[in-house]
Amino acid sequence: MPGHLYGYQLAHGVIPRLGWGADSPTVCHTCDNHSCQRPTHLRLGTAAENRAEWLARRRNPSSPLADLRGPAGRSRAIGAAIRAGQERGESEAEITARIRAVIAAGRPLRGANRMLGRVGM
């Protein structure tokens, strides 16, 4: 069972008729972080709603969904950055800086937009 589905049901109760057809509820991420487990970032919706929201947010260059590695690749990269920082005994602030660098690496257009802004374009 996927972690977000398990966590949602722990916080809100068992979802009736999950996976029983096209109209059955699905757990939707509102924060677009593939590895997010926070029940407050999850809600029930339909598969069609989930897909429509995903498509709309995918076009936003600052969204986690715009990461070139895809949601799972982004989550793996963040996890690897955290583990590397912990293995080196880094502080929470240093690990946070690692996470920010890994997130920025997956969104190269964001850096290009900043550079364009500096040039005045």
C-alpha atoms as a PDB file:
ATOM      1  CA  MET A   1       0.000   0.000   0.000  1.00  0.00           C
ATOM      2  CA  PRO A   2       1.429   3.433  -0.906  1.00  0.00           C
ATOM      3  CA  GLY A   3       2.523   5.475   2.097  1.00  0.00           C
ATOM      4  CA  HIS A   4       0.281   8.463   1.371  1.00  0.00           C
ATOM      5  CA  LEU A   5      -2.770   6.194   1.167  1.00  0.00           C
ATOM      6  CA  TYR A   6      -1.892   4.469   4.429  1.00  0.00           C
ATOM      7  CA  GLY A   7      -1.235   7.799   6.184  1.00  0.00           C
ATOM      8  CA  TYR A   8      -4.478   9.321   4.947  1.00  0.00           C
ATOM      9  CA  GLN A   9      -6.476   6.385   6.279  1.00  0.00           C
ATOM     10  CA  LEU A  10      -4.669   6.458   9.637  1.00  0.00           C
ATOM     11  CA  ALA A  11      -5.634  10.117  10.039  1.00  0.00           C
ATOM     12  CA  HIS A  12      -9.128  10.075   8.502  1.00  0.00           C
ATOM     13  CA  GLY A  13     -10.365   6.483   8.575  1.00  0.00           C
ATOM     14  CA  VAL A  14     -10.754   3.798   5.970  1.00  0.00           C
ATOM     15  CA  ILE A  15     -11.768   5.022   2.528  1.00  0.00           C
ATOM     16  CA  PRO A  16     -14.928   3.232   1.390  1.00  0.00           C
ATOM     17  CA  ARG A  17     -14.940   1.549  -2.028  1.00  0.00           C
ATOM     18  CA  LEU A  18     -11.346   2.528  -2.832  1.00  0.00           C
ATOM     19  CA  GLY A  19     -10.379   1.097  -6.198  1.00  0.00           C
ATOM     20  CA  TRP A  20     -13.870  -0.215  -7.011  1.00  0.00           C
ATOM     21  CA  GLY A  21     -14.364   1.643 -10.271  1.00  0.00           C
ATOM     22  CA  ALA A  22     -13.987   4.924 -12.109  1.00  0.00           C
ATOM     23  CA  ASP A  23     -16.092   6.817  -9.571  1.00  0.00           C
ATOM     24  CA  SER A  24     -14.259   5.531  -6.487  1.00  0.00           C
ATOM     25  CA  PRO A  25     -12.319   8.113  -4.463  1.00  0.00           C
ATOM     26  CA  THR A  26      -8.607   8.644  -4.854  1.00  0.00           C
ATOM     27  CA  VAL A  27      -6.177  10.344  -2.500  1.00  0.00           C
ATOM     28  CA  CYS A  28      -4.925  13.594  -4.066  1.00  0.00           C
ATOM     29  CA  HIS A  29      -1.749  15.468  -3.043  1.00  0.00           C
ATOM     30  CA  THR A  30      -2.368  19.200  -2.650  1.00  0.00           C
ATOM     31  CA  CYS A  31       1.321  20.066  -2.212  1.00  0.00           C
ATOM     32  CA  ASP A  32       2.588  18.162  -5.282  1.00  0.00           C
ATOM     33  CA  ASN A  33       5.371  16.501  -3.328  1.00  0.00           C
ATOM     34  CA  HIS A  34       5.371  12.861  -4.361  1.00  0.00           C
ATOM     35  CA  SER A  35       6.822  11.683  -1.056  1.00  0.00           C
ATOM     36  CA  CYS A  36       4.609  13.840   1.189  1.00  0.00           C
ATOM     37  CA  GLN A  37       2.866  11.937   3.962  1.00  0.00           C
ATOM     38  CA  ARG A  38       1.155  14.813   5.798  1.00  0.00           C
ATOM     39  CA  PRO A  39      -2.570  14.098   6.133  1.00  0.00           C
ATOM     40  CA  THR A  40      -3.266  17.847   5.896  1.00  0.00           C
ATOM     41  CA  HIS A  41      -1.701  17.837   2.405  1.00  0.00           C
ATOM     42  CA  LEU A  42      -3.945  15.007   1.209  1.00  0.00           C
ATOM     43  CA  ARG A  43      -7.605  15.045   0.257  1.00  0.00           C
ATOM     44  CA  LEU A  44     -10.115  12.744  -1.376  1.00  0.00           C
ATOM     45  CA  GLY A  45     -11.171  13.408  -4.941  1.00  0.00           C
ATOM     46  CA  THR A  46     -11.856  11.603  -8.181  1.00  0.00           C
ATOM     47  CA  ALA A  47      -9.199  10.397 -10.575  1.00  0.00           C
ATOM     48  CA  ALA A  48     -10.419  12.964 -13.124  1.00  0.00           C
ATOM     49  CA  GLU A  49     -10.084  15.830 -10.615  1.00  0.00           C
ATOM     50  CA  ASN A  50      -6.639  14.645  -9.604  1.00  0.00           C
ATOM     51  CA  ARG A  51      -5.464  14.474 -13.219  1.00  0.00           C
ATOM     52  CA  ALA A  52      -6.912  17.899 -14.120  1.00  0.00           C
ATOM     53  CA  GLU A  53      -5.234  19.527 -11.107  1.00  0.00           C
ATOM     54  CA  TRP A  54      -1.955  17.797 -11.931  1.00  0.00           C
ATOM     55  CA  LEU A  55      -2.027  19.027 -15.538  1.00  0.00           C
ATOM     56  CA  ALA A  56      -2.769  22.601 -14.459  1.00  0.00           C
ATOM     57  CA  ARG A  57       0.029  22.694 -11.876  1.00  0.00           C
ATOM     58  CA  ARG A  58       2.513  20.850 -14.105  1.00  0.00           C
ATOM     59  CA  ARG A  59       2.812  23.955 -16.303  1.00  0.00           C
ATOM     60  CA  ASN A  60       3.875  26.140 -13.367  1.00  0.00           C
ATOM     61  CA  PRO A  61       7.709  26.379 -13.507  1.00  0.00           C
ATOM     62  CA  SER A  62       7.976  26.799  -9.714  1.00  0.00           C
ATOM     63  CA  SER A  63       5.875  23.698  -9.003  1.00  0.00           C
ATOM     64  CA  PRO A  64       7.557  20.493  -7.811  1.00  0.00           C
ATOM     65  CA  LEU A  65       5.768  18.848 -10.746  1.00  0.00           C
ATOM     66  CA  ALA A  66       7.962  20.801 -13.176  1.00  0.00           C
ATOM     67  CA  ASP A  67      11.064  18.947 -11.947  1.00  0.00           C
ATOM     68  CA  LEU A  68      12.810  17.328 -14.915  1.00  0.00           C
ATOM     69  CA  ARG A  69      13.519  14.172 -12.881  1.00  0.00           C
ATOM     70  CA  GLY A  70       9.810  13.541 -12.330  1.00  0.00           C
ATOM     71  CA  PRO A  71       8.148  13.294  -8.915  1.00  0.00           C
ATOM     72  CA  ALA A  72       9.805  10.021  -7.893  1.00  0.00           C
ATOM     73  CA  GLY A  73      13.234  11.173  -9.098  1.00  0.00           C
ATOM     74  CA  ARG A  74      12.838  14.411  -7.152  1.00  0.00           C
ATOM     75  CA  SER A  75      11.899  12.485  -3.998  1.00  0.00           C
ATOM     76  CA  ARG A  76      14.865  10.128  -4.393  1.00  0.00           C
ATOM     77  CA  ALA A  77      17.257  13.064  -4.898  1.00  0.00           C
ATOM     78  CA  ILE A  78      15.971  14.820  -1.774  1.00  0.00           C
ATOM     79  CA  GLY A  79      16.267  11.594   0.242  1.00  0.00           C
ATOM     80  CA  ALA A  80      19.840  11.077  -0.978  1.00  0.00           C
ATOM     81  CA  ALA A  81      20.748  14.659  -0.011  1.00  0.00           C
ATOM     82  CA  ILE A  82      19.356  14.157   3.497  1.00  0.00           C
ATOM     83  CA  ARG A  83      21.191  10.850   3.944  1.00  0.00           C
ATOM     84  CA  ALA A  84      24.471  12.367   2.677  1.00  0.00           C
ATOM     85  CA  GLY A  85      24.167  15.245   5.137  1.00  0.00           C
ATOM     86  CA  GLN A  86      23.388  12.912   8.024  1.00  0.00           C
ATOM     87  CA  GLU A  87      26.329  10.640   7.163  1.00  0.00           C
ATOM     88  CA  ARG A  88      28.636  13.673   7.247  1.00  0.00           C
ATOM     89  CA  GLY A  89      27.198  14.852  10.570  1.00  0.00           C
ATOM     90  CA  GLU A  90      25.955  18.126   9.102  1.00  0.00           C
ATOM     91  CA  SER A  91      23.693  20.517  10.967  1.00  0.00           C
ATOM     92  CA  GLU A  92      20.014  20.903  10.160  1.00  0.00           C
ATOM     93  CA  ALA A  93      20.802  24.192   8.377  1.00  0.00           C
ATOM     94  CA  GLU A  94      23.445  22.506   6.203  1.00  0.00           C
ATOM     95  CA  ILE A  95      21.073  19.669   5.307  1.00  0.00           C
ATOM     96  CA  THR A  96      18.368  22.211   4.468  1.00  0.00           C
ATOM     97  CA  ALA A  97      20.828  23.948   2.128  1.00  0.00           C
ATOM     98  CA  ARG A  98      21.557  20.573   0.483  1.00  0.00           C
ATOM     99  CA  ILE A  99      17.834  19.980  -0.023  1.00  0.00           C
ATOM    100  CA  ARG A 100      17.360  23.426  -1.582  1.00  0.00           C
ATOM    101  CA  ALA A 101      20.282  22.822  -3.958  1.00  0.00           C
ATOM    102  CA  VAL A 102      18.872  19.452  -5.041  1.00  0.00           C
ATOM    103  CA  ILE A 103      15.428  20.968  -5.628  1.00  0.00           C
ATOM    104  CA  ALA A 104      16.926  23.802  -7.704  1.00  0.00           C
ATOM    105  CA  ALA A 105      18.956  21.318  -9.764  1.00  0.00           C
ATOM    106  CA  GLY A 106      15.763  19.694 -11.032  1.00  0.00           C
ATOM    107  CA  ARG A 107      14.325  22.986 -12.244  1.00  0.00           C
ATOM    108  CA  PRO A 108      16.932  24.554 -14.546  1.00  0.00           C
ATOM    109  CA  LEU A 109      14.419  26.950 -16.126  1.00  0.00           C
ATOM    110  CA  ARG A 110      13.927  28.637 -12.773  1.00  0.00           C
ATOM    111  CA  GLY A 111      17.614  29.637 -12.752  1.00  0.00           C
ATOM    112  CA  ALA A 112      17.417  30.799 -16.363  1.00  0.00           C
ATOM    113  CA  ASN A 113      14.426  33.005 -15.523  1.00  0.00           C
ATOM    114  CA  ARG A 114      16.368  34.617 -12.687  1.00  0.00           C
ATOM    115  CA  MET A 115      19.299  35.291 -15.020  1.00  0.00           C
ATOM    116  CA  LEU A 116      16.992  36.834 -17.627  1.00  0.00           C
ATOM    117  CA  GLY A 117      15.582  39.116 -14.952  1.00  0.00           C
ATOM    118  CA  ARG A 118      19.071  40.347 -14.023  1.00  0.00           C
ATOM    119  CA  VAL A 119      19.909  41.155 -17.617  1.00  0.00           C
ATOM    120  CA  GLY A 120      16.691  43.127 -17.927  1.00  0.00           C
ATOM    121  CA  MET A 121      14.984  40.969 -20.523  1.00  0.00           C
END
